[in-house]
C-alpha atoms as a PDB file:
ATOM      1  CA  MET A   1      50.078 150.442  59.958  1.00  0.00           C
ATOM      2  CA  SER A   2      54.076 150.012  59.579  1.00  0.00           C
ATOM      3  CA  SER A   3      56.608 152.513  59.730  1.00  0.00           C
ATOM      4  CA  SER A   4      57.182 152.059  56.032  1.00  0.00           C
ATOM      5  CA  SER A   5      53.207 153.063  55.127  1.00  0.00           C
ATOM      6  CA  PHE A   6      54.381 156.590  56.577  1.00  0.00           C
ATOM      7  CA  TYR A   7      53.297 159.037  53.489  1.00  0.00           C
ATOM      8  CA  ARG A   8      51.894 155.945  51.614  1.00  0.00           C
ATOM      9  CA  ALA A   9      48.872 158.617  50.704  1.00  0.00           C
ATOM     10  CA  TYR A  10      51.916 161.232  50.228  1.00  0.00           C
ATOM     11  CA  CYS A  11      51.975 160.469  46.655  1.00  0.00           C
ATOM     12  CA  SER A  12      48.069 160.486  46.554  1.00  0.00           C
ATOM     13  CA  LEU A  13      48.392 163.589  48.818  1.00  0.00           C
ATOM     14  CA  ALA A  14      49.369 166.461  46.642  1.00  0.00           C
ATOM     15  CA  LEU A  15      53.249 166.861  46.958  1.00  0.00           C
ATOM     16  CA  LEU A  16      54.487 165.065  43.722  1.00  0.00           C
ATOM     17  CA  LEU A  17      51.895 163.376  42.141  1.00  0.00           C
ATOM     18  CA  LEU A  18      53.776 165.124  39.172  1.00  0.00           C
ATOM     19  CA  LEU A  19      56.872 162.857  39.019  1.00  0.00           C
ATOM     20  CA  LEU A  20      60.383 165.073  38.544  1.00  0.00           C
ATOM     21  CA  VAL A  21      62.611 162.306  36.364  1.00  0.00           C
ATOM     22  CA  LEU A  22      66.006 162.278  36.318  1.00  0.00           C
ATOM     23  CA  VAL A  23      67.580 162.986  33.299  1.00  0.00           C
ATOM     24  CA  GLY A  24      71.368 161.942  33.045  1.00  0.00           C
ATOM     25  CA  CYS A  25      73.400 162.378  29.661  1.00  0.00           C
ATOM     26  CA  SER A  26      72.260 162.599  26.811  1.00  0.00           C
ATOM     27  CA  PRO A  27      72.396 159.126  24.404  1.00  0.00           C
ATOM     28  CA  SER A  28      75.849 160.503  22.146  1.00  0.00           C
ATOM     29  CA  GLN A  29      77.704 161.059  25.644  1.00  0.00           C
ATOM     30  CA  PRO A  30      79.403 158.149  28.050  1.00  0.00           C
ATOM     31  CA  GLU A  31      77.732 157.881  31.010  1.00  0.00           C
ATOM     32  CA  LYS A  32      79.911 159.450  33.605  1.00  0.00           C
ATOM     33  CA  THR A  33      80.909 157.604  37.257  1.00  0.00           C
ATOM     34  CA  VAL A  34      78.425 157.510  39.545  1.00  0.00           C
ATOM     35  CA  THR A  35      77.124 155.624  42.644  1.00  0.00           C
ATOM     36  CA  ARG A  36      73.893 155.084  43.551  1.00  0.00           C
ATOM     37  CA  LEU A  37      72.105 154.240  46.949  1.00  0.00           C
ATOM     38  CA  GLU A  38      68.165 153.248  47.088  1.00  0.00           C
ATOM     39  CA  GLY A  39      65.916 151.842  49.024  1.00  0.00           C
ATOM     40  CA  HIS A  40      62.060 152.352  50.604  1.00  0.00           C
ATOM     41  CA  ILE A  41      61.210 154.857  53.413  1.00  0.00           C
ATOM     42  CA  PHE A  42      57.316 156.733  53.637  1.00  0.00           C
ATOM     43  CA  GLY A  43      55.744 154.305  51.566  1.00  0.00           C
ATOM     44  CA  THR A  44      58.023 155.014  48.282  1.00  0.00           C
ATOM     45  CA  PHE A  45      61.445 155.713  47.357  1.00  0.00           C
ATOM     46  CA  TRP A  46      64.636 156.956  47.894  1.00  0.00           C
ATOM     47  CA  GLN A  47      67.325 157.749  45.567  1.00  0.00           C
ATOM     48  CA  VAL A  48      70.758 159.097  46.282  1.00  0.00           C
ATOM     49  CA  THR A  49      73.294 159.764  43.464  1.00  0.00           C
ATOM     50  CA  LEU A  50      76.958 160.593  44.197  1.00  0.00           C
ATOM     51  CA  SER A  51      79.418 161.741  41.622  1.00  0.00           C
ATOM     52  CA  GLY A  52      82.267 159.079  41.449  1.00  0.00           C
ATOM     53  CA  ASN A  53      82.849 155.451  42.515  1.00  0.00           C
ATOM     54  CA  LEU A  54      82.488 154.514  46.084  1.00  0.00           C
ATOM     55  CA  THR A  55      83.833 151.510  47.892  1.00  0.00           C
ATOM     56  CA  ASP A  56      81.080 149.068  49.026  1.00  0.00           C
ATOM     57  CA  ASP A  57      81.944 149.866  52.449  1.00  0.00           C
ATOM     58  CA  VAL A  58      81.705 153.421  52.013  1.00  0.00           C
ATOM     59  CA  GLN A  59      78.576 152.950  50.366  1.00  0.00           C
ATOM     60  CA  ALA A  60      77.272 150.759  53.443  1.00  0.00           C
ATOM     61  CA  THR A  61      78.235 153.362  56.259  1.00  0.00           C
ATOM     62  CA  LEU A  62      76.695 155.902  53.751  1.00  0.00           C
ATOM     63  CA  ARG A  63      73.100 153.736  53.660  1.00  0.00           C
ATOM     64  CA  LYS A  64      72.822 153.354  57.239  1.00  0.00           C
ATOM     65  CA  GLY A  65      73.388 156.970  57.969  1.00  0.00           C
ATOM     66  CA  ILE A  66      70.847 157.711  55.410  1.00  0.00           C
ATOM     67  CA  LEU A  67      68.503 155.276  57.256  1.00  0.00           C
ATOM     68  CA  GLU A  68      68.937 156.368  60.707  1.00  0.00           C
ATOM     69  CA  ARG A  69      68.030 160.439  59.268  1.00  0.00           C
ATOM     70  CA  LEU A  70      64.999 159.416  57.532  1.00  0.00           C
ATOM     71  CA  GLN A  71      63.613 156.444  60.061  1.00  0.00           C
ATOM     72  CA  ALA A  72      64.311 159.894  62.666  1.00  0.00           C
ATOM     73  CA  VAL A  73      61.662 161.499  60.643  1.00  0.00           C
ATOM     74  CA  ASP A  74      59.672 158.805  60.458  1.00  0.00           C
ATOM     75  CA  LYS A  75      59.347 157.949  63.948  1.00  0.00           C
ATOM     76  CA  SER A  76      58.605 161.826  64.527  1.00  0.00           C
ATOM     77  CA  MET A  77      56.187 163.101  61.934  1.00  0.00           C
ATOM     78  CA  SER A  78      54.293 160.007  60.565  1.00  0.00           C
ATOM     79  CA  THR A  79      50.793 159.548  60.269  1.00  0.00           C
ATOM     80  CA  TYR A  80      50.889 156.056  60.115  1.00  0.00           C
ATOM     81  CA  ARG A  81      52.214 154.647  62.602  1.00  0.00           C
ATOM     82  CA  ASP A  82      50.707 154.957  66.312  1.00  0.00           C
ATOM     83  CA  ASP A  83      54.486 155.547  68.059  1.00  0.00           C
ATOM     84  CA  SER A  84      55.116 158.814  66.320  1.00  0.00           C
ATOM     85  CA  GLU A  85      55.269 161.703  68.069  1.00  0.00           C
ATOM     86  CA  LEU A  86      53.015 164.123  65.617  1.00  0.00           C
ATOM     87  CA  ILE A  87      50.259 161.430  66.663  1.00  0.00           C
ATOM     88  CA  GLY A  88      51.170 161.879  70.504  1.00  0.00           C
ATOM     89  CA  PHE A  89      50.699 165.442  69.800  1.00  0.00           C
ATOM     90  CA  ASN A  90      47.345 164.958  68.156  1.00  0.00           C
ATOM     91  CA  ARG A  91      45.369 162.899  70.965  1.00  0.00           C
ATOM     92  CA  HIS A  92      47.138 165.681  73.393  1.00  0.00           C
ATOM     93  CA  PRO A  93      43.904 167.202  75.329  1.00  0.00           C
ATOM     94  CA  VAL A  94      43.241 170.532  73.717  1.00  0.00           C
ATOM     95  CA  GLY A  95      44.591 173.250  75.273  1.00  0.00           C
ATOM     96  CA  GLU A  96      47.089 171.694  77.197  1.00  0.00           C
ATOM     97  CA  TRP A  97      50.784 172.172  76.085  1.00  0.00           C
ATOM     98  CA  LYS A  98      53.321 169.381  74.912  1.00  0.00           C
ATOM     99  CA  PRO A  99      57.183 169.879  74.402  1.00  0.00           C
ATOM    100  CA  LEU A 100      58.287 168.869  70.994  1.00  0.00           C
ATOM    101  CA  SER A 101      61.540 167.967  69.855  1.00  0.00           C
ATOM    102  CA  PRO A 102      63.261 170.448  68.323  1.00  0.00           C
ATOM    103  CA  GLU A 103      63.004 168.957  64.676  1.00  0.00           C
ATOM    104  CA  LEU A 104      59.271 169.075  65.074  1.00  0.00           C
ATOM    105  CA  MET A 105      59.189 171.750  66.189  1.00  0.00           C
ATOM    106  CA  GLN A 106      60.869 173.030  63.630  1.00  0.00           C
ATOM    107  CA  VAL A 107      58.538 171.829  60.662  1.00  0.00           C
ATOM    108  CA  LEU A 108      55.659 173.457  62.575  1.00  0.00           C
ATOM    109  CA  VAL A 109      57.678 176.949  62.278  1.00  0.00           C
ATOM    110  CA  LEU A 110      58.275 176.855  58.768  1.00  0.00           C
ATOM    111  CA  SER A 111      54.195 175.318  57.959  1.00  0.00           C
ATOM    112  CA  GLN A 112      53.385 177.991  60.006  1.00  0.00           C
ATOM    113  CA  SER A 113      55.000 180.465  58.396  1.00  0.00           C
ATOM    114  CA  ILE A 114      53.912 179.433  54.584  1.00  0.00           C
ATOM    115  CA  SER A 115      50.454 179.042  55.939  1.00  0.00           C
ATOM    116  CA  GLU A 116      50.395 183.135  57.140  1.00  0.00           C
ATOM    117  CA  LYS A 117      52.223 184.329  53.847  1.00  0.00           C
ATOM    118  CA  SER A 118      49.497 181.956  51.837  1.00  0.00           C
ATOM    119  CA  GLN A 119      46.573 183.169  53.376  1.00  0.00           C
ATOM    120  CA  GLY A 120      45.807 179.331  55.046  1.00  0.00           C
ATOM    121  CA  ALA A 121      46.356 177.825  51.103  1.00  0.00           C
ATOM    122  CA  PHE A 122      48.944 175.798  52.756  1.00  0.00           C
ATOM    123  CA  ASP A 123      47.260 174.623  56.453  1.00  0.00           C
ATOM    124  CA  VAL A 124      48.500 171.272  58.566  1.00  0.00           C
ATOM    125  CA  THR A 125      45.809 171.255  61.034  1.00  0.00           C
ATOM    126  CA  VAL A 126      43.413 170.044  57.955  1.00  0.00           C
ATOM    127  CA  GLY A 127      44.299 166.057  58.564  1.00  0.00           C
ATOM    128  CA  ASN A 128      40.579 165.533  59.865  1.00  0.00           C
ATOM    129  CA  LEU A 129      39.487 166.969  55.991  1.00  0.00           C
ATOM    130  CA  VAL A 130      41.556 164.831  54.308  1.00  0.00           C
ATOM    131  CA  ASN A 131      40.737 162.201  55.922  1.00  0.00           C
ATOM    132  CA  LEU A 132      37.147 162.827  55.388  1.00  0.00           C
ATOM    133  CA  TRP A 133      37.796 162.877  51.186  1.00  0.00           C
ATOM    134  CA  SER A 134      39.444 159.867  51.082  1.00  0.00           C
ATOM    135  CA  PHE A 135      43.398 160.791  51.102  1.00  0.00           C
ATOM    136  CA  GLY A 136      44.487 160.179  54.026  1.00  0.00           C
ATOM    137  CA  PRO A 137      45.075 157.370  56.986  1.00  0.00           C
ATOM    138  CA  GLU A 138      41.240 156.943  57.667  1.00  0.00           C
ATOM    139  CA  ARG A 139      40.802 155.740  54.309  1.00  0.00           C
ATOM    140  CA  ARG A 140      37.056 156.051  53.885  1.00  0.00           C
ATOM    141  CA  PRO A 141      35.197 154.890  50.745  1.00  0.00           C
ATOM    142  CA  ASP A 142      35.516 157.023  47.420  1.00  0.00           C
ATOM    143  CA  ALA A 143      32.607 159.214  48.026  1.00  0.00           C
ATOM    144  CA  ILE A 144      31.108 162.814  48.696  1.00  0.00           C
ATOM    145  CA  PRO A 145      31.695 163.265  52.450  1.00  0.00           C
ATOM    146  CA  ASP A 146      28.470 164.414  54.658  1.00  0.00           C
ATOM    147  CA  PRO A 147      27.944 167.913  53.698  1.00  0.00           C
ATOM    148  CA  ASP A 148      27.169 168.881  57.916  1.00  0.00           C
ATOM    149  CA  LEU A 149      30.047 166.806  58.831  1.00  0.00           C
ATOM    150  CA  LEU A 150      32.533 168.514  56.403  1.00  0.00           C
ATOM    151  CA  ASP A 151      30.986 171.681  57.617  1.00  0.00           C
ATOM    152  CA  GLU A 152      32.122 170.723  61.147  1.00  0.00           C
ATOM    153  CA  ARG A 153      35.658 169.526  60.251  1.00  0.00           C
ATOM    154  CA  LEU A 154      36.202 172.952  58.285  1.00  0.00           C
ATOM    155  CA  HIS A 155      35.078 174.739  61.534  1.00  0.00           C
ATOM    156  CA  GLU A 156      37.589 172.581  63.366  1.00  0.00           C
ATOM    157  CA  SER A 157      40.991 173.286  61.761  1.00  0.00           C
ATOM    158  CA  GLY A 158      42.498 176.543  60.916  1.00  0.00           C
ATOM    159  CA  TYR A 159      45.910 177.265  61.405  1.00  0.00           C
ATOM    160  CA  ALA A 160      45.807 180.135  63.675  1.00  0.00           C
ATOM    161  CA  TRP A 161      44.441 177.699  66.295  1.00  0.00           C
ATOM    162  CA  LEU A 162      47.980 175.782  66.603  1.00  0.00           C
ATOM    163  CA  ILE A 163      49.943 177.617  68.968  1.00  0.00           C
ATOM    164  CA  LEU A 164      53.591 177.502  69.550  1.00  0.00           C
ATOM    165  CA  ASN A 165      55.843 178.366  72.119  1.00  0.00           C
ATOM    166  CA  GLU A 166      59.337 177.920  70.053  1.00  0.00           C
ATOM    167  CA  GLU A 167      61.332 179.367  72.857  1.00  0.00           C
ATOM    168  CA  LEU A 168      59.963 176.728  74.888  1.00  0.00           C
ATOM    169  CA  GLY A 169      59.797 173.909  72.746  1.00  0.00           C
ATOM    170  CA  GLN A 170      55.988 173.532  73.264  1.00  0.00           C
ATOM    171  CA  ALA A 171      52.567 173.714  71.126  1.00  0.00           C
ATOM    172  CA  ARG A 172      49.123 173.397  71.761  1.00  0.00           C
ATOM    173  CA  ARG A 173      45.854 172.533  69.653  1.00  0.00           C
ATOM    174  CA  LEU A 174      42.966 175.080  70.740  1.00  0.00           C
ATOM    175  CA  LYS A 175      40.776 172.801  68.879  1.00  0.00           C
ATOM    176  CA  ASN A 176      40.183 169.515  68.310  1.00  0.00           C
ATOM    177  CA  PHE A 177      42.044 169.249  64.387  1.00  0.00           C
ATOM    178  CA  PHE A 178      44.480 167.243  63.291  1.00  0.00           C
ATOM    179  CA  VAL A 179      47.739 167.853  61.876  1.00  0.00           C
ATOM    180  CA  ASP A 180      49.266 166.062  59.081  1.00  0.00           C
ATOM    181  CA  LEU A 181      52.246 167.415  57.779  1.00  0.00           C
ATOM    182  CA  SER A 182      52.132 165.243  54.387  1.00  0.00           C
ATOM    183  CA  GLY A 183      53.033 168.415  52.651  1.00  0.00           C
ATOM    184  CA  VAL A 184      56.460 168.888  54.408  1.00  0.00           C
ATOM    185  CA  ALA A 185      57.402 166.386  56.212  1.00  0.00           C
ATOM    186  CA  LYS A 186      58.973 164.833  53.065  1.00  0.00           C
ATOM    187  CA  GLY A 187      60.534 167.266  52.000  1.00  0.00           C
ATOM    188  CA  TYR A 188      62.312 167.841  55.108  1.00  0.00           C
ATOM    189  CA  GLY A 189      63.413 164.490  54.827  1.00  0.00           C
ATOM    190  CA  VAL A 190      64.847 165.208  51.740  1.00  0.00           C
ATOM    191  CA  ASP A 191      66.220 168.549  53.485  1.00  0.00           C
ATOM    192  CA  GLU A 192      67.852 165.788  56.490  1.00  0.00           C
ATOM    193  CA  VAL A 193      69.691 163.590  53.845  1.00  0.00           C
ATOM    194  CA  GLY A 194      71.572 166.510  52.384  1.00  0.00           C
ATOM    195  CA  ARG A 195      72.682 167.843  55.603  1.00  0.00           C
ATOM    196  CA  TYR A 196      73.851 164.337  56.377  1.00  0.00           C
ATOM    197  CA  LEU A 197      75.703 164.044  53.458  1.00  0.00           C
ATOM    198  CA  SER A 198      77.110 167.704  53.588  1.00  0.00           C
ATOM    199  CA  GLU A 199      78.459 166.709  56.990  1.00  0.00           C
ATOM    200  CA  MET A 200      80.021 163.095  55.813  1.00  0.00           C
ATOM    201  CA  GLY A 201      81.944 165.842  53.347  1.00  0.00           C
ATOM    202  CA  TYR A 202      80.189 164.952  50.172  1.00  0.00           C
ATOM    203  CA  GLU A 203      80.014 168.175  47.701  1.00  0.00           C
ATOM    204  CA  HIS A 204      78.337 166.816  44.829  1.00  0.00           C
ATOM    205  CA  TYR A 205      74.928 164.216  45.082  1.00  0.00           C
ATOM    206  CA  LEU A 206      71.670 164.556  44.227  1.00  0.00           C
ATOM    207  CA  VAL A 207      69.027 163.058  46.683  1.00  0.00           C
ATOM    208  CA  ASN A 208      65.540 162.140  45.379  1.00  0.00           C
ATOM    209  CA  ILE A 209      62.775 160.752  47.700  1.00  0.00           C
ATOM    210  CA  GLY A 210      59.360 159.418  46.097  1.00  0.00           C
ATOM    211  CA  GLY A 211      60.147 162.812  43.602  1.00  0.00           C
ATOM    212  CA  ASP A 212      61.309 165.467  45.686  1.00  0.00           C
ATOM    213  CA  LEU A 213      64.952 166.517  45.191  1.00  0.00           C
ATOM    214  CA  PHE A 214      67.863 168.181  46.001  1.00  0.00           C
ATOM    215  CA  ALA A 215      70.967 168.453  44.112  1.00  0.00           C
ATOM    216  CA  LYS A 216      74.337 169.593  45.623  1.00  0.00           C
ATOM    217  CA  GLY A 217      77.258 170.901  42.883  1.00  0.00           C
ATOM    218  CA  ALA A 218      76.966 168.987  39.929  1.00  0.00           C
ATOM    219  CA  ARG A 219      76.774 165.941  38.316  1.00  0.00           C
ATOM    220  CA  SER A 220      80.512 166.322  37.045  1.00  0.00           C
ATOM    221  CA  ALA A 221      82.830 169.075  35.570  1.00  0.00           C
ATOM    222  CA  GLU A 222      81.183 169.417  32.381  1.00  0.00           C
ATOM    223  CA  GLU A 223      77.432 168.411  33.447  1.00  0.00           C
ATOM    224  CA  ALA A 224      75.125 170.054  35.796  1.00  0.00           C
ATOM    225  CA  TRP A 225      72.180 168.292  37.698  1.00  0.00           C
ATOM    226  CA  ARG A 226      69.626 167.659  35.246  1.00  0.00           C
ATOM    227  CA  VAL A 227      65.672 167.095  36.249  1.00  0.00           C
ATOM    228  CA  GLY A 228      62.594 166.367  33.729  1.00  0.00           C
ATOM    229  CA  ILE A 229      59.211 168.232  34.707  1.00  0.00           C
ATOM    230  CA  GLU A 230      56.516 165.629  34.004  1.00  0.00           C
ATOM    231  CA  LEU A 231      53.790 167.184  31.552  1.00  0.00           C
ATOM    232  CA  PRO A 232      50.623 166.601  33.458  1.00  0.00           C
ATOM    233  CA  HIS A 233      49.042 163.723  31.329  1.00  0.00           C
ATOM    234  CA  GLU A 234      47.616 160.385  32.177  1.00  0.00           C
ATOM    235  CA  GLY A 235      48.968 157.653  30.971  1.00  0.00           C
ATOM    236  CA  VAL A 236      53.207 157.373  29.483  1.00  0.00           C
ATOM    237  CA  GLN A 237      55.455 159.682  31.515  1.00  0.00           C
ATOM    238  CA  GLN A 238      56.427 162.248  29.516  1.00  0.00           C
ATOM    239  CA  ALA A 239      58.930 165.404  30.504  1.00  0.00           C
ATOM    240  CA  HIS A 240      57.877 168.438  29.530  1.00  0.00           C
ATOM    241  CA  HIS A 241      60.398 170.522  30.259  1.00  0.00           C
ATOM    242  CA  ILE A 242      64.048 169.592  31.144  1.00  0.00           C
ATOM    243  CA  ILE A 243      65.743 172.174  33.761  1.00  0.00           C
ATOM    244  CA  GLU A 244      69.571 171.853  35.110  1.00  0.00           C
ATOM    245  CA  ILE A 245      70.112 172.828  38.702  1.00  0.00           C
ATOM    246  CA  ARG A 246      72.883 173.415  41.731  1.00  0.00           C
ATOM    247  CA  ASP A 247      72.582 173.618  44.972  1.00  0.00           C
ATOM    248  CA  MET A 248      68.815 173.738  44.678  1.00  0.00           C
ATOM    249  CA  SER A 249      65.383 172.018  45.929  1.00  0.00           C
ATOM    250  CA  VAL A 250      62.518 170.814  43.844  1.00  0.00           C
ATOM    251  CA  ALA A 251      59.209 169.944  44.420  1.00  0.00           C
ATOM    252  CA  THR A 252      56.552 169.365  42.208  1.00  0.00           C
ATOM    253  CA  SER A 253      52.378 169.652  43.007  1.00  0.00           C
ATOM    254  CA  GLY A 254      49.666 168.088  40.541  1.00  0.00           C
ATOM    255  CA  ASP A 255      46.051 167.263  40.505  1.00  0.00           C
ATOM    256  CA  TYR A 256      46.215 164.113  37.510  1.00  0.00           C
ATOM    257  CA  ARG A 257      47.579 161.646  39.539  1.00  0.00           C
ATOM    258  CA  ASN A 258      45.043 160.514  42.324  1.00  0.00           C
ATOM    259  CA  TYR A 259      41.446 161.075  42.445  1.00  0.00           C
ATOM    260  CA  PHE A 260      38.268 160.141  42.056  1.00  0.00           C
ATOM    261  CA  GLU A 261      34.929 160.238  40.084  1.00  0.00           C
ATOM    262  CA  VAL A 262      31.407 160.975  41.320  1.00  0.00           C
ATOM    263  CA  ASP A 263      28.379 160.345  38.693  1.00  0.00           C
ATOM    264  CA  GLY A 264      30.934 161.663  36.129  1.00  0.00           C
ATOM    265  CA  GLN A 265      32.332 164.593  38.453  1.00  0.00           C
ATOM    266  CA  ARG A 266      36.124 164.354  39.225  1.00  0.00           C
ATOM    267  CA  PHE A 267      37.310 165.252  42.412  1.00  0.00           C
ATOM    268  CA  SER A 268      41.120 165.919  42.740  1.00  0.00           C
ATOM    269  CA  HIS A 269      43.291 165.388  46.169  1.00  0.00           C
ATOM    270  CA  THR A 270      44.328 168.990  46.766  1.00  0.00           C
ATOM    271  CA  ILE A 271      41.976 170.118  49.050  1.00  0.00           C
ATOM    272  CA  SER A 272      41.211 173.550  49.690  1.00  0.00           C
ATOM    273  CA  PRO A 273      41.727 174.544  53.665  1.00  0.00           C
ATOM    274  CA  VAL A 274      39.480 177.510  53.175  1.00  0.00           C
ATOM    275  CA  THR A 275      36.313 175.773  51.335  1.00  0.00           C
ATOM    276  CA  GLY A 276      37.244 172.204  52.778  1.00  0.00           C
ATOM    277  CA  TRP A 277      36.460 171.277  48.741  1.00  0.00           C
ATOM    278  CA  PRO A 278      39.319 169.627  46.550  1.00  0.00           C
ATOM    279  CA  VAL A 279      40.178 172.352  44.325  1.00  0.00           C
ATOM    280  CA  ASN A 280      38.740 173.309  40.803  1.00  0.00           C
ATOM    281  CA  HIS A 281      40.428 175.039  38.604  1.00  0.00           C
ATOM    282  CA  SER A 282      42.956 174.893  35.268  1.00  0.00           C
ATOM    283  CA  LEU A 283      46.132 174.791  37.006  1.00  0.00           C
ATOM    284  CA  ALA A 284      47.592 170.995  36.739  1.00  0.00           C
ATOM    285  CA  SER A 285      50.545 171.576  38.488  1.00  0.00           C
ATOM    286  CA  VAL A 286      53.177 173.446  40.051  1.00  0.00           C
ATOM    287  CA  THR A 287      57.169 173.093  40.035  1.00  0.00           C
ATOM    288  CA  VAL A 288      58.751 175.185  43.172  1.00  0.00           C
ATOM    289  CA  LEU A 289      62.446 175.406  43.313  1.00  0.00           C
ATOM    290  CA  SER A 290      64.152 176.449  47.140  1.00  0.00           C
ATOM    291  CA  PRO A 291      67.226 176.270  49.067  1.00  0.00           C
ATOM    292  CA  ASP A 292      64.829 174.166  51.413  1.00  0.00           C
ATOM    293  CA  ASN A 293      63.107 171.293  50.140  1.00  0.00           C
ATOM    294  CA  ALA A 294      60.703 171.467  52.944  1.00  0.00           C
ATOM    295  CA  SER A 295      59.564 174.966  51.913  1.00  0.00           C
ATOM    296  CA  ALA A 296      59.268 173.832  47.915  1.00  0.00           C
ATOM    297  CA  ASP A 297      57.280 171.002  49.347  1.00  0.00           C
ATOM    298  CA  ALA A 298      54.977 173.399  51.376  1.00  0.00           C
ATOM    299  CA  TRP A 299      54.948 176.256  48.452  1.00  0.00           C
ATOM    300  CA  ALA A 300      54.338 173.625  46.009  1.00  0.00           C
ATOM    301  CA  THR A 301      51.310 172.746  47.531  1.00  0.00           C
ATOM    302  CA  ALA A 302      49.595 176.199  48.403  1.00  0.00           C
ATOM    303  CA  MET A 303      50.258 177.477  44.460  1.00  0.00           C
ATOM    304  CA  MET A 304      47.816 174.148  43.742  1.00  0.00           C
ATOM    305  CA  VAL A 305      45.562 175.681  46.284  1.00  0.00           C
ATOM    306  CA  MET A 306      46.060 179.098  45.111  1.00  0.00           C
ATOM    307  CA  GLY A 307      45.831 178.799  41.477  1.00  0.00           C
ATOM    308  CA  VAL A 308      47.373 180.166  38.730  1.00  0.00           C
ATOM    309  CA  GLU A 309      46.125 184.372  39.199  1.00  0.00           C
ATOM    310  CA  ALA A 310      46.568 184.419  42.959  1.00  0.00           C
ATOM    311  CA  GLY A 311      50.003 181.672  42.790  1.00  0.00           C
ATOM    312  CA  LEU A 312      51.936 183.807  40.577  1.00  0.00           C
ATOM    313  CA  ALA A 313      51.135 186.788  42.769  1.00  0.00           C
ATOM    314  CA  VAL A 314      52.137 185.606  45.561  1.00  0.00           C
ATOM    315  CA  ALA A 315      55.327 184.227  43.931  1.00  0.00           C
ATOM    316  CA  GLU A 316      56.066 187.501  42.474  1.00  0.00           C
ATOM    317  CA  ARG A 317      55.715 188.738  46.219  1.00  0.00           C
ATOM    318  CA  GLU A 318      57.520 186.274  47.866  1.00  0.00           C
ATOM    319  CA  ASN A 319      60.020 185.792  45.272  1.00  0.00           C
ATOM    320  CA  LEU A 320      59.543 182.485  44.603  1.00  0.00           C
ATOM    321  CA  LYS A 321      61.531 180.262  42.154  1.00  0.00           C
ATOM    322  CA  VAL A 322      57.874 179.002  40.423  1.00  0.00           C
ATOM    323  CA  LEU A 323      56.761 177.397  37.060  1.00  0.00           C
ATOM    324  CA  MET A 324      53.061 176.615  36.334  1.00  0.00           C
ATOM    325  CA  LEU A 325      51.235 174.432  33.742  1.00  0.00           C
ATOM    326  CA  GLU A 326      47.987 175.171  32.942  1.00  0.00           C
ATOM    327  CA  ARG A 327      45.455 173.428  31.212  1.00  0.00           C
ATOM    328  CA  SER A 328      43.882 175.399  28.461  1.00  0.00           C
ATOM    329  CA  GLY A 329      42.144 172.985  26.442  1.00  0.00           C
ATOM    330  CA  ASP A 330      43.953 170.097  24.949  1.00  0.00           C
ATOM    331  CA  THR A 331      47.273 171.935  25.655  1.00  0.00           C
ATOM    332  CA  TRP A 332      49.297 173.209  28.231  1.00  0.00           C
ATOM    333  CA  LEU A 333      50.280 176.871  28.787  1.00  0.00           C
ATOM    334  CA  THR A 334      53.534 176.944  30.884  1.00  0.00           C
ATOM    335  CA  HIS A 335      53.930 180.602  33.313  1.00  0.00           C
ATOM    336  CA  ILE A 336      56.834 181.581  35.313  1.00  0.00           C
ATOM    337  CA  SER A 337      57.882 183.685  37.852  1.00  0.00           C
ATOM    338  CA  SER A 338      60.327 186.262  37.855  1.00  0.00           C
ATOM    339  CA  GLU A 339      62.619 184.133  40.079  1.00  0.00           C
ATOM    340  CA  PHE A 340      62.379 181.084  38.094  1.00  0.00           C
ATOM    341  CA  LYS A 341      63.460 182.970  34.691  1.00  0.00           C
ATOM    342  CA  ALA A 342      66.167 184.898  36.529  1.00  0.00           C
ATOM    343  CA  TYR A 343      67.559 181.666  37.723  1.00  0.00           C
ATOM    344  CA  VAL A 344      67.577 179.218  34.173  1.00  0.00           C
ATOM    345  CA  GLY A 345      68.391 182.576  32.715  1.00  0.00           C
ATOM    346  CA  GLU A 346      66.494 184.480  29.642  1.00  0.00           C
ATOM    347  CA  THR A 347      67.488 181.630  26.439  1.00  0.00           C
ATOM    348  CA  ALA A 348      65.968 178.994  28.946  1.00  0.00           C
ATOM    349  CA  ALA A 349      63.011 181.156  30.125  1.00  0.00           C
ATOM    350  CA  GLN A 350      62.155 181.743  26.778  1.00  0.00           C
ATOM    351  CA  ALA A 351      62.283 177.867  25.394  1.00  0.00           C
ATOM    352  CA  LEU A 352      60.466 177.258  28.430  1.00  0.00           C
ATOM    353  CA  LEU A 353      57.566 179.277  27.701  1.00  0.00           C
ATOM    354  CA  ARG A 354      57.262 178.772  23.996  1.00  0.00           C
ATOM    355  CA  LYS A 355      56.674 175.042  24.641  1.00  0.00           C
END
C-alpha cells in the first residue's frame, strides 16, 4: 500500500476509536485568533493549531517541516509500505541482529518497558494475531480465525522474544513474529511534531493526529486548551467529558467503532496478547494523559486489554493519569485514577464522577 495508507487501520486497531473532539470557545465568546494547518498522514488527518495569525510564508515553512517529520516516522515505522524500516526488520532472519535507527529503537525500548509494566497487556509482537483477526494489513474476511492457526500465532508472539541492544542500536527476533507499532507509532508522530514546533520557538500550540493530542501552553492568555472525551456510543458523536490540558498529551482507546459480528456475537478490535482473542469486558474506553503521546497511546491500549479493576490498579501503581468509561446497562460509569484527579482538581474530578 502507499505511504498514505500507514495505519489506515490504526483507528481500526485500537488507539483512537473514540475520537477526542477539540472544544474551542463557548458560543457566547468571540473566537480567539489562531492559525490551523492540516493535512493527511498515516491514513488519517493531522491538524496543528497555533495561537496567533501567522503569515502565509510562515505557514508554508511550518507545513513543510511538519510533513518532513511525519513522513520520516512513516518511512521508519509503517506496516503498510514495503520499504519501511520496520518491515525490513520483520523480514530479517529470525535470531540475527539488525541495526536500527535511533528513532525506531527509541519506540521499541518504550514499547518493551510498557509491556513489562503491564505484564504483557501491551505487546508489539502480536502483529500476526491482529492480522488474523482482520484488523491489520492482511485484511482477511470478517470471520473467527481457525483455532489451530490462532494458537500457532499466539505461541509465536511474546515481547520477551524481542531482544534489544540499545547501546549498539540493534535488535533481533527470537521467534517468527510480526512487530506492529500501531499502538505507539502514531503517538510518537504527535511527539515529533511537538518537538519540531518547540524547536521552531513556538510555546502555544495543539497537535492532533487522528485524535491523538499534545497541547503546549494555552490557546490564549485567557483560555486553556480544552478537549472533549467522546461518549462511547455508536451514532452521533457526543463529548461526555470536557477537560483542560496544558503541556500534556491525551490518547484514548475504545472498543465500539471497529468490530465485526458472527452469529450475533460481537468481536472487538482490541486483541489480548495473553489469550489471542478480542477482549470481552465492560470497559468501553480509556483516556490516558501523559507528557509524551507515545506513552499515552501505549498505556491506553494496555488498559483496554486489562479492564477496569486491573487497569486502575496498574494506573495507581505506575502513577498514571487515567479516565475510564465503563458500560453499566444503559448508562456509563466514570472511573479516574488518583493522578488524574490531582491533575484536573477536586471540583472537576467530582463533576466527572457525577456525570
